[in-house]
N, C-alpha and C. Protein backbone atom coordinates (compact mmCIF):
# COMPACT_ATOMS: atom_id res chain seq x y z
N MET A 1 -9.28 42.29 -18.48
CA MET A 1 -10.26 40.80 -18.46
C MET A 1 -10.08 40.89 -16.77
N ALA A 2 -11.57 40.06 -16.41
CA ALA A 2 -11.31 39.51 -14.93
C ALA A 2 -11.42 37.86 -14.80
N GLN A 3 -10.76 37.42 -13.65
CA GLN A 3 -10.40 35.76 -13.73
C GLN A 3 -11.04 36.04 -12.63
N ALA A 4 -12.60 34.79 -12.55
CA ALA A 4 -13.78 34.12 -11.39
C ALA A 4 -12.65 32.84 -11.11
N LYS A 5 -12.71 32.39 -10.03
CA LYS A 5 -12.62 30.87 -9.37
C LYS A 5 -14.13 31.10 -8.68
N VAL A 6 -14.14 29.49 -8.53
CA VAL A 6 -14.87 29.17 -7.67
C VAL A 6 -14.07 26.69 -7.53
N VAL A 7 -14.54 27.00 -5.85
CA VAL A 7 -14.07 25.59 -4.99
C VAL A 7 -14.40 25.22 -5.12
N LEU A 8 -14.65 24.14 -4.93
CA LEU A 8 -15.75 22.31 -5.41
C LEU A 8 -15.09 21.69 -4.21
N PRO A 9 -15.72 21.14 -3.82
CA PRO A 9 -15.47 19.46 -2.93
C PRO A 9 -15.79 18.68 -3.73
N ALA A 10 -14.71 17.41 -4.03
CA ALA A 10 -14.96 16.34 -6.01
C ALA A 10 -14.71 15.34 -4.34
N PRO A 11 -15.48 14.82 -3.96
CA PRO A 11 -15.52 13.26 -4.57
C PRO A 11 -15.07 12.17 -5.09
N ASN A 12 -15.32 12.35 -6.18
CA ASN A 12 -15.73 11.44 -6.94
C ASN A 12 -14.83 11.94 -8.14
N GLY A 13 -13.95 13.00 -7.77
CA GLY A 13 -12.67 13.42 -8.59
C GLY A 13 -13.70 14.41 -9.90
N LEU A 14 -13.30 14.67 -10.44
CA LEU A 14 -13.49 15.49 -11.93
C LEU A 14 -14.54 14.72 -12.67
N ASP A 15 -15.26 14.82 -12.73
CA ASP A 15 -16.59 14.41 -13.27
C ASP A 15 -17.62 15.17 -14.75
N GLU A 16 -18.47 14.65 -14.53
CA GLU A 16 -19.03 16.07 -15.89
C GLU A 16 -20.45 16.66 -14.62
N ASP A 17 -20.43 15.61 -13.92
CA ASP A 17 -21.35 16.60 -13.13
C ASP A 17 -20.91 17.45 -12.34
N LEU A 18 -19.70 18.17 -11.73
CA LEU A 18 -18.55 18.30 -10.94
C LEU A 18 -18.31 19.88 -11.93
N MET A 19 -18.58 18.90 -13.27
CA MET A 19 -18.10 20.11 -14.40
C MET A 19 -18.66 21.21 -14.61
N GLY A 20 -20.12 20.45 -14.81
CA GLY A 20 -21.15 21.29 -14.93
C GLY A 20 -21.76 22.32 -13.41
N LEU A 21 -21.21 21.34 -12.47
CA LEU A 21 -21.96 22.54 -11.70
C LEU A 21 -20.98 23.86 -11.61
N ALA A 22 -19.18 23.55 -11.96
CA ALA A 22 -18.25 24.98 -12.16
C ALA A 22 -18.52 26.30 -12.83
N ILE A 23 -18.88 25.41 -14.45
CA ILE A 23 -19.41 25.90 -15.30
C ILE A 23 -21.05 26.64 -14.70
N HIS A 24 -22.21 26.58 -14.30
CA HIS A 24 -23.04 27.37 -13.58
C HIS A 24 -22.74 28.03 -11.95
N LYS A 25 -21.91 27.74 -11.91
CA LYS A 25 -21.26 28.90 -10.58
C LYS A 25 -20.62 29.81 -11.28
N LEU A 26 -19.96 29.91 -12.37
CA LEU A 26 -19.43 30.55 -12.69
C LEU A 26 -19.71 31.52 -13.63
N ASN A 27 -21.27 30.54 -14.48
CA ASN A 27 -21.58 32.16 -15.03
C ASN A 27 -22.53 33.02 -13.56
N GLU A 28 -23.17 32.33 -12.68
CA GLU A 28 -23.59 33.32 -11.88
C GLU A 28 -22.11 34.66 -11.75
N LEU A 29 -21.19 34.45 -11.88
CA LEU A 29 -19.74 35.34 -11.86
C LEU A 29 -20.34 36.38 -13.20
N GLY A 30 -20.61 35.85 -14.26
CA GLY A 30 -21.04 36.67 -14.96
C GLY A 30 -19.74 35.57 -16.49
N THR A 31 -20.19 36.52 -17.85
CA THR A 31 -19.98 35.29 -19.15
C THR A 31 -18.57 34.60 -19.17
N ILE A 32 -18.92 33.23 -19.34
CA ILE A 32 -17.02 33.30 -19.86
C ILE A 32 -16.83 33.07 -20.22
N GLU A 33 -15.97 34.08 -20.95
CA GLU A 33 -15.44 34.66 -21.91
C GLU A 33 -14.01 33.12 -22.24
N GLY A 34 -14.11 33.16 -23.74
CA GLY A 34 -14.11 31.94 -24.66
C GLY A 34 -14.53 30.44 -24.11
N SER A 35 -12.94 29.01 -23.67
CA SER A 35 -13.46 27.87 -24.07
C SER A 35 -12.97 27.31 -22.80
N GLU A 36 -11.99 27.85 -22.81
CA GLU A 36 -11.12 27.67 -21.60
C GLU A 36 -11.51 27.91 -20.07
N ILE A 37 -10.97 26.41 -19.11
CA ILE A 37 -11.56 26.92 -17.52
C ILE A 37 -10.40 25.97 -17.00
N GLY A 38 -9.90 26.04 -16.05
CA GLY A 38 -8.25 25.89 -15.81
C GLY A 38 -8.87 25.19 -14.45
N VAL A 39 -8.84 24.12 -14.60
CA VAL A 39 -8.73 23.10 -12.86
C VAL A 39 -7.15 22.69 -12.35
N TYR A 40 -7.40 23.39 -10.84
CA TYR A 40 -6.39 23.21 -9.83
C TYR A 40 -6.33 22.65 -8.60
N THR A 41 -5.65 21.78 -8.08
CA THR A 41 -6.07 21.29 -6.98
C THR A 41 -6.41 22.47 -6.29
N ALA A 42 -7.11 22.29 -5.27
CA ALA A 42 -7.72 23.86 -3.94
C ALA A 42 -6.84 23.60 -2.72
N GLU A 43 -6.33 24.05 -1.59
CA GLU A 43 -6.44 24.10 -0.38
C GLU A 43 -7.83 23.95 0.07
N ARG A 44 -8.09 22.58 1.38
CA ARG A 44 -9.20 22.92 1.96
C ARG A 44 -9.98 24.02 2.57
N PRO A 45 -10.73 24.36 2.00
CA PRO A 45 -11.13 26.06 2.80
C PRO A 45 -11.85 25.92 4.09
N GLU A 46 -11.93 27.13 5.02
CA GLU A 46 -11.01 27.33 6.41
C GLU A 46 -13.46 26.89 6.47
N SER A 47 -14.09 27.15 5.60
CA SER A 47 -15.52 27.21 5.80
C SER A 47 -16.00 26.11 5.75
N VAL A 48 -15.68 25.27 5.76
CA VAL A 48 -15.92 23.56 5.45
C VAL A 48 -16.37 23.37 6.91
N PRO A 49 -17.73 22.68 6.77
CA PRO A 49 -18.45 22.43 7.94
C PRO A 49 -17.41 20.98 7.99
N ASP A 50 -17.31 20.87 9.64
CA ASP A 50 -16.91 20.07 10.24
C ASP A 50 -17.06 17.90 10.00
N ASP A 51 -18.13 17.78 10.02
CA ASP A 51 -18.58 16.79 8.85
C ASP A 51 -18.31 16.36 6.99
N CYS A 52 -17.45 17.44 7.15
CA CYS A 52 -16.20 16.50 5.74
C CYS A 52 -15.43 16.34 6.35
N PRO A 53 -15.36 15.10 5.29
CA PRO A 53 -14.04 14.20 5.52
C PRO A 53 -13.32 15.44 5.85
N GLN A 54 -11.82 14.70 6.59
CA GLN A 54 -10.70 15.55 6.43
C GLN A 54 -9.71 15.15 5.27
N ASP A 55 -9.97 13.72 4.34
CA ASP A 55 -8.87 13.67 3.35
C ASP A 55 -10.23 14.00 1.53
N MET A 56 -11.39 14.77 1.56
CA MET A 56 -12.21 15.05 0.67
C MET A 56 -11.37 15.60 -0.13
N VAL A 57 -11.39 15.82 -1.72
CA VAL A 57 -9.98 16.98 -2.37
C VAL A 57 -10.77 17.64 -2.62
N PHE A 58 -10.56 18.81 -3.13
CA PHE A 58 -11.07 20.41 -4.02
C PHE A 58 -10.55 20.09 -4.66
N LEU A 59 -11.47 20.91 -5.39
CA LEU A 59 -10.90 21.30 -7.14
C LEU A 59 -11.13 22.49 -7.11
N GLU A 60 -10.27 23.78 -7.57
CA GLU A 60 -10.22 24.85 -7.95
C GLU A 60 -10.48 24.79 -9.77
N PHE A 61 -11.51 25.28 -9.60
CA PHE A 61 -11.31 26.39 -10.95
C PHE A 61 -11.96 27.32 -11.42
N ARG A 62 -10.77 28.28 -12.50
CA ARG A 62 -10.85 29.03 -13.29
C ARG A 62 -11.51 28.98 -14.68
N ALA A 63 -11.70 30.36 -14.56
CA ALA A 63 -12.12 30.73 -16.25
C ALA A 63 -11.98 32.90 -15.63
N ASN A 64 -11.58 33.59 -17.29
CA ASN A 64 -11.13 34.91 -18.06
C ASN A 64 -13.17 35.23 -17.44
N VAL A 65 -13.59 36.04 -17.34
CA VAL A 65 -15.33 36.17 -17.11
C VAL A 65 -15.60 37.88 -17.59
N ILE A 66 -15.98 37.79 -18.18
CA ILE A 66 -16.86 39.05 -18.28
C ILE A 66 -17.70 39.73 -17.02
N PRO A 67 -17.79 40.45 -15.88
CA PRO A 67 -18.81 40.63 -15.25
C PRO A 67 -20.07 41.58 -15.41
N TYR A 68 -21.14 40.94 -14.65
CA TYR A 68 -22.56 41.42 -14.64
C TYR A 68 -22.45 43.06 -13.80
N LEU A 69 -22.68 43.80 -14.84
CA LEU A 69 -22.78 44.85 -14.31
C LEU A 69 -23.69 45.30 -13.77
N GLY A 70 -24.86 45.17 -14.72
CA GLY A 70 -26.46 45.54 -14.29
C GLY A 70 -26.93 45.03 -12.42
N ARG A 71 -27.90 45.38 -12.36
CA ARG A 71 -28.65 44.82 -11.07
C ARG A 71 -29.27 42.97 -12.18
N ARG A 72 -29.32 42.60 -11.10
CA ARG A 72 -29.61 41.02 -11.32
C ARG A 72 -31.08 41.29 -10.85
């Protein structure tokens, strides 16, 4: 069982839009196994543009996924 993670900026905290985006991004990596998605505060990624505010909160979403093995 593989675990996937996605780190996203959360300017409005954890809301329905951000959760929906996280689920979409995780589904791009594979089929989410079960119904549990862990949400954690994340460190600021190195690849963040300079115009992003320094106090921006980032959240990390983790889920067990079944990876896609075929060509897409």
